[in-house]
Protein backbone atom coordinates (compact mmCIF):
# COMPACT_ATOMS: atom_id res chain seq x y z
CA MET A 1 84.05 64.97 73.81
CA SER A 2 85.13 64.69 77.85
CA LEU A 3 85.65 69.33 78.92
CA ARG A 4 88.35 69.44 81.69
CA ALA A 5 88.81 71.37 84.14
CA LEU A 6 91.44 73.59 86.49
CA VAL A 7 90.02 75.07 89.74
CA LEU A 8 92.76 77.77 91.09
CA ALA A 9 90.72 78.39 94.87
CA GLY A 10 91.57 81.46 96.59
CA GLY A 11 93.90 81.67 99.89
CA GLY A 12 95.50 84.92 99.51
CA LEU A 13 99.79 85.54 99.14
CA ALA A 14 99.83 82.15 100.16
CA GLY A 15 97.19 80.16 97.64
CA ILE A 16 99.26 81.38 95.23
CA ALA A 17 102.54 80.87 96.33
CA TRP A 18 101.24 77.05 96.81
CA GLU A 19 98.89 76.75 94.14
CA THR A 20 102.00 78.07 91.32
CA GLY A 21 104.83 75.51 93.96
CA VAL A 22 101.73 72.20 93.24
CA LEU A 23 102.14 72.40 89.33
CA CYS A 24 105.82 73.19 89.62
CA GLY A 25 106.01 69.35 92.21
CA ILE A 26 103.51 67.58 89.70
CA ALA A 27 105.25 68.76 86.61
CA ASP A 28 108.40 67.52 88.25
CA GLU A 29 106.93 63.62 88.93
CA SER A 30 105.35 63.52 85.75
CA PRO A 31 105.71 66.29 83.20
CA ALA A 32 102.22 65.00 81.11
CA THR A 33 100.18 65.60 83.53
CA ALA A 34 101.31 69.29 84.12
CA ARG A 35 100.46 70.25 80.63
CA LEU A 36 97.34 68.61 80.50
CA LEU A 37 96.24 70.44 83.60
CA LEU A 38 97.69 73.63 82.17
CA GLU A 39 96.00 72.93 79.27
CA SER A 40 92.83 72.25 80.49
CA ASP A 41 89.23 73.31 78.05
CA VAL A 42 88.18 75.32 81.00
CA VAL A 43 90.42 77.46 83.73
CA VAL A 44 88.79 78.90 86.87
CA GLY A 45 90.09 81.28 89.17
CA THR A 46 89.13 82.74 91.97
CA SER A 47 91.02 85.68 93.76
CA ALA A 48 94.19 84.05 94.72
CA GLY A 49 93.18 81.73 91.92
CA SER A 50 92.40 83.66 89.50
CA ALA A 51 95.75 85.31 89.33
CA VAL A 52 97.70 82.18 89.07
CA GLY A 53 95.35 81.15 86.30
CA ALA A 54 96.03 84.54 84.60
CA GLN A 55 99.79 83.55 85.11
CA ILE A 56 99.89 79.97 83.88
CA GLY A 57 97.35 81.42 80.48
CA SER A 58 100.68 83.39 80.03
CA GLY A 59 102.26 80.37 78.33
CA ARG A 60 105.25 81.87 80.77
CA PRO A 61 106.74 77.85 82.24
CA LEU A 62 106.05 77.24 85.42
CA GLU A 63 109.60 76.84 86.63
CA GLU A 64 109.55 81.01 85.89
CA LEU A 65 106.27 81.43 87.64
CA PHE A 66 107.48 79.78 90.20
CA ALA A 67 111.03 81.54 90.68
CA ARG A 68 108.74 84.61 91.07
CA GLN A 69 107.27 82.75 94.11
CA VAL A 70 111.08 81.89 95.99
CA ALA A 71 112.20 85.37 94.93
CA GLU A 72 113.56 87.51 97.86
CA THR A 73 111.91 90.76 96.68
CA SER A 74 108.53 91.34 95.70
CA ALA A 75 105.54 94.33 94.40
CA GLU A 76 103.54 92.98 97.22
CA ILE A 77 102.39 94.78 99.99
CA ASP A 78 100.50 94.35 103.17
CA PRO A 79 97.06 95.46 103.82
CA GLY A 80 98.13 95.64 107.57
CA VAL A 81 95.36 93.48 108.70
CA ASP A 82 94.96 89.83 108.88
CA ILE A 83 92.22 87.29 108.46
CA ASP A 84 91.40 87.17 111.63
CA LYS A 85 90.64 91.25 111.87
CA ILE A 86 88.60 90.19 108.14
CA THR A 87 86.36 88.17 109.64
CA GLU A 88 85.70 89.80 112.47
CA LEU A 89 83.97 92.70 109.66
CA PHE A 90 82.48 89.20 107.69
CA LEU A 91 80.47 88.70 111.22
CA ALA A 92 79.55 92.15 111.64
CA ALA A 93 77.91 92.56 108.92
CA LEU A 94 76.31 89.29 109.13
CA SER A 95 74.41 90.54 112.66
CA GLY A 96 71.15 90.93 112.40
CA PRO A 97 68.17 89.61 110.20
CA ASN A 98 68.71 88.02 106.85
CA GLU A 99 67.06 90.03 104.55
CA GLY A 100 67.69 88.83 100.52
CA GLY A 101 69.34 85.26 100.93
CA LEU A 102 72.70 85.05 100.28
CA ALA A 103 72.87 88.36 97.42
CA GLY A 104 71.90 89.59 100.69
CA ARG A 105 74.08 88.92 103.15
CA LEU A 106 76.72 89.57 100.45
CA ALA A 107 76.27 93.03 98.96
CA LYS A 108 76.43 93.27 103.90
CA ILE A 109 79.78 92.22 102.77
CA GLY A 110 79.88 94.86 100.54
CA GLN A 111 78.93 97.86 102.10
CA VAL A 112 81.52 96.87 104.44
CA ALA A 113 84.17 96.37 101.45
CA LEU A 114 83.25 99.69 101.04
CA ALA A 115 83.34 101.80 103.40
CA THR A 116 87.17 100.56 104.82
CA GLU A 117 89.98 102.75 104.37
CA THR A 118 92.51 101.07 102.39
CA VAL A 119 95.28 101.93 99.75
CA PRO A 120 94.13 103.70 96.88
CA GLU A 121 92.16 101.68 94.14
CA SER A 122 95.66 102.16 91.62
CA VAL A 123 98.28 101.74 94.37
CA ARG A 124 96.29 98.20 94.07
CA ARG A 125 96.02 98.19 90.63
CA GLU A 126 99.38 98.75 90.47
CA VAL A 127 100.64 95.27 92.31
CA ILE A 128 98.17 93.51 91.06
CA ALA A 129 100.15 94.22 87.40
CA GLN A 130 103.41 93.48 88.88
CA ARG A 131 101.73 90.12 89.63
CA LEU A 132 101.01 89.26 85.84
CA PRO A 133 103.51 88.26 83.21
CA SER A 134 101.29 89.33 80.43
CA TYR A 135 97.76 91.79 80.23
CA GLU A 136 96.25 90.26 77.78
CA TRP A 137 93.88 87.19 78.03
CA PRO A 138 95.06 83.83 77.05
CA ASP A 139 93.87 82.32 74.16
CA ARG A 140 91.93 79.72 75.96
CA VAL A 141 88.44 79.58 78.60
CA LEU A 142 89.36 81.65 81.73
CA ARG A 143 86.59 82.18 83.95
CA LEU A 144 87.74 84.70 87.06
CA THR A 145 84.81 84.92 89.75
CA ALA A 146 84.18 88.13 91.94
CA ILE A 147 81.18 89.75 93.54
CA ASP A 148 78.81 92.85 92.60
CA THR A 149 79.38 94.97 96.08
CA ALA A 150 75.76 96.14 95.18
CA THR A 151 73.72 93.45 94.75
CA GLY A 152 75.88 90.53 96.24
CA GLU A 153 75.93 89.24 92.95
CA LEU A 154 78.26 86.92 91.36
CA VAL A 155 79.86 87.80 88.62
CA VAL A 156 82.27 85.54 85.93
CA PHE A 157 85.02 87.04 84.06
CA ASP A 158 86.09 86.01 80.61
CA GLN A 159 88.08 87.43 77.59
CA ASN A 160 84.67 87.81 76.16
CA SER A 161 83.85 90.41 79.08
CA GLY A 162 85.12 93.01 78.02
CA VAL A 163 86.74 93.90 80.77
CA GLU A 164 90.98 94.23 81.20
CA LEU A 165 92.35 91.27 82.45
CA VAL A 166 94.66 92.85 85.61
CA ASP A 167 91.39 94.77 86.53
CA ALA A 168 89.27 90.71 86.28
CA VAL A 169 92.26 89.39 88.42
CA ALA A 170 92.06 93.17 90.54
CA ALA A 171 87.99 92.81 91.69
CA SER A 172 89.14 89.12 92.06
CA CYS A 173 91.38 89.19 94.53
CA ALA A 174 90.02 92.65 96.07
CA VAL A 175 89.62 90.76 99.65
CA PRO A 176 86.41 92.93 102.03
CA GLY A 177 88.59 94.92 104.48
CA ALA A 178 92.03 94.81 103.10
CA TRP A 179 91.93 96.14 99.54
CA PRO A 180 89.16 98.82 97.89
CA PRO A 181 86.77 96.83 96.07
CA VAL A 182 87.42 97.39 91.87
CA THR A 183 85.56 100.11 89.78
CA ILE A 184 84.87 98.00 86.64
CA GLY A 185 82.34 100.69 84.41
CA ASP A 186 79.21 101.90 87.06
CA ARG A 187 80.48 98.63 88.84
CA ARG A 188 82.05 97.87 91.70
CA TYR A 189 83.55 94.74 92.61
CA MET A 190 84.97 92.73 95.28
CA ASP A 191 86.33 89.54 95.60
CA GLY A 192 84.95 86.38 94.34
CA GLY A 193 85.99 84.21 97.30
CA VAL A 194 83.85 85.81 99.91
CA ARG A 195 80.99 83.95 97.96
CA SER A 196 83.17 80.49 98.36
CA SER A 197 86.55 79.61 97.83
CA VAL A 198 86.51 77.24 95.01
CA ASN A 199 82.92 78.11 92.42
CA LEU A 200 83.22 75.27 91.41
CA SER A 201 80.09 76.10 89.58
CA VAL A 202 81.33 78.25 87.05
CA ALA A 203 82.55 74.57 85.84
CA ASP A 204 79.18 72.97 85.92
CA ASP A 205 80.12 72.70 81.60
CA CYS A 206 82.88 70.52 82.18
CA ASP A 207 83.24 66.70 82.97
CA VAL A 208 86.70 66.36 85.66
CA ALA A 209 87.15 68.89 87.35
CA VAL A 210 91.03 69.23 89.50
CA VAL A 211 91.15 71.67 92.16
CA LEU A 212 93.28 73.60 94.49
CA VAL A 213 92.49 74.35 97.13
CA PRO A 214 95.03 76.05 99.44
CA SER A 215 93.38 75.25 102.84
CA GLY A 216 92.49 71.98 104.70
CA VAL A 217 90.04 69.69 103.89
CA ASP A 218 87.70 70.65 107.16
CA ALA A 219 88.07 75.16 106.06
CA PRO A 220 84.29 75.74 107.53
CA SER A 221 82.61 78.70 105.08
CA PRO A 222 79.82 81.26 106.01
CA PHE A 223 77.83 80.51 103.02
CA GLY A 224 77.03 76.51 101.59
CA PRO A 225 78.82 72.88 102.55
CA GLY A 226 82.20 74.49 102.37
CA PRO A 227 85.33 73.54 100.01
CA ALA A 228 84.55 69.70 100.74
CA GLY A 229 80.97 69.87 100.02
CA GLU A 230 81.10 71.67 97.06
CA ILE A 231 83.47 69.22 95.32
CA ALA A 232 81.56 66.33 96.66
CA ALA A 233 78.79 67.48 95.10
CA PHE A 234 80.49 68.42 92.03
CA ASP A 235 77.81 66.21 89.07
CA GLY A 236 81.12 65.22 87.19
CA THR A 237 84.57 63.96 88.46
CA ALA A 238 86.35 66.26 90.90
CA TYR A 239 89.92 65.38 92.44
CA ALA A 240 90.46 68.17 94.71
CA ILE A 241 94.28 68.48 96.33
CA PHE A 242 94.00 70.10 99.77
CA ALA A 243 96.80 71.61 102.05
CA ASP A 244 98.21 69.00 103.64
CA ASP A 245 100.04 69.74 107.37
CA ASP A 246 103.03 70.94 106.41
CA ALA A 247 101.12 73.51 103.32
CA LEU A 248 99.31 74.78 106.60
CA ALA A 249 102.23 75.73 109.31
CA ALA A 250 103.97 77.44 105.92
CA PHE A 251 100.68 79.22 105.26
CA GLY A 252 101.25 81.14 108.72
CA ARG A 253 98.63 82.49 110.96
CA ASN A 254 97.97 85.58 107.96
CA PRO A 255 98.52 84.51 104.16
CA LEU A 256 97.73 88.23 103.15
CA ASP A 257 101.79 88.26 104.93
CA PRO A 258 104.15 88.94 102.05
CA ARG A 259 107.07 87.14 103.93
CA CYS A 260 103.92 83.85 103.69
CA ARG A 261 105.18 83.55 99.96
CA VAL A 262 108.36 81.41 99.77
CA PRO A 263 107.71 78.55 102.61
CA SER A 264 103.80 78.22 100.87
CA ALA A 265 106.03 78.07 97.92
CA MET A 266 108.22 74.77 98.90
CA ALA A 267 105.53 73.41 101.11
CA GLY A 268 103.38 73.23 97.46
CA ARG A 269 106.08 71.36 95.47
CA ALA A 270 106.81 69.03 97.94
CA GLN A 271 102.15 68.30 97.80
CA GLY A 272 102.51 68.63 94.30
CA ARG A 273 104.93 65.46 93.99
CA ARG A 274 103.28 63.28 96.11
CA GLU A 275 99.93 63.95 94.55
CA ALA A 276 101.31 63.60 90.81
CA ALA A 277 100.76 59.83 90.71
CA ALA A 278 97.35 60.15 91.90
CA VAL A 279 96.34 63.29 88.94
CA ALA A 280 98.22 61.42 86.24
CA GLN A 281 95.16 58.89 86.98
CA VAL A 282 92.32 60.73 87.10
CA LEU A 283 93.48 62.78 84.01
CA GLY A 284 94.61 58.97 82.51
CA VAL A 285 97.93 59.71 81.77
């Protein structure tokens, strides 16, 4: 039997809003296609995508989730840093000799994450809790990615990991330099998007993957081929929706800024309507 995956990439608050909008836009044009996406055999979420994966796993209607994104107020807070500053931290951490391969380089970023002064973990956890309509893992395969700050290894949380959903989402969304690493047991975890915004390998047991990527098709990556190359190398059939020019403009200069939510959601919905027919064809609707 062919297994289908919905892969939700990282991209800050803009990414959460845009991905929610894309799904709503697809539902506007083809409810059957949207239903297949929401009922995918496997849902993979990284960073922003972990929040969206948990939200759709709650079973709440897409319209309700969209309304959350376009509401005038939210529980989101501004980290006080932008993507450019975070990129500078990354580059500084990666300077010097490369010891330990990819994991070693990620562990260096983990050291930066641990050393950076941010809001307390409890404050950040409450923000994540406010994002989620339900704190229970869904009755489906939901895989959320994070990075162990000490080892630099990719960790995948699911309903069998013995980890609370709020903590798994918080770990996946713990952008180094912006938010505190998340303590789970005796380990500390940071954003799964540090390694890859997509982490498509986590869906390598699936035959078909629809991937939502809130960045341009030419977005670079400090590690590996970048989202486009990663998707092109997928063994099965992968159809990716990258943010178009209108969406990128809506995101603004800082996708972590709460003010980007409304325009990003609206741009995502418009793009989802335009993409609905192509996604339907991939899924055989």
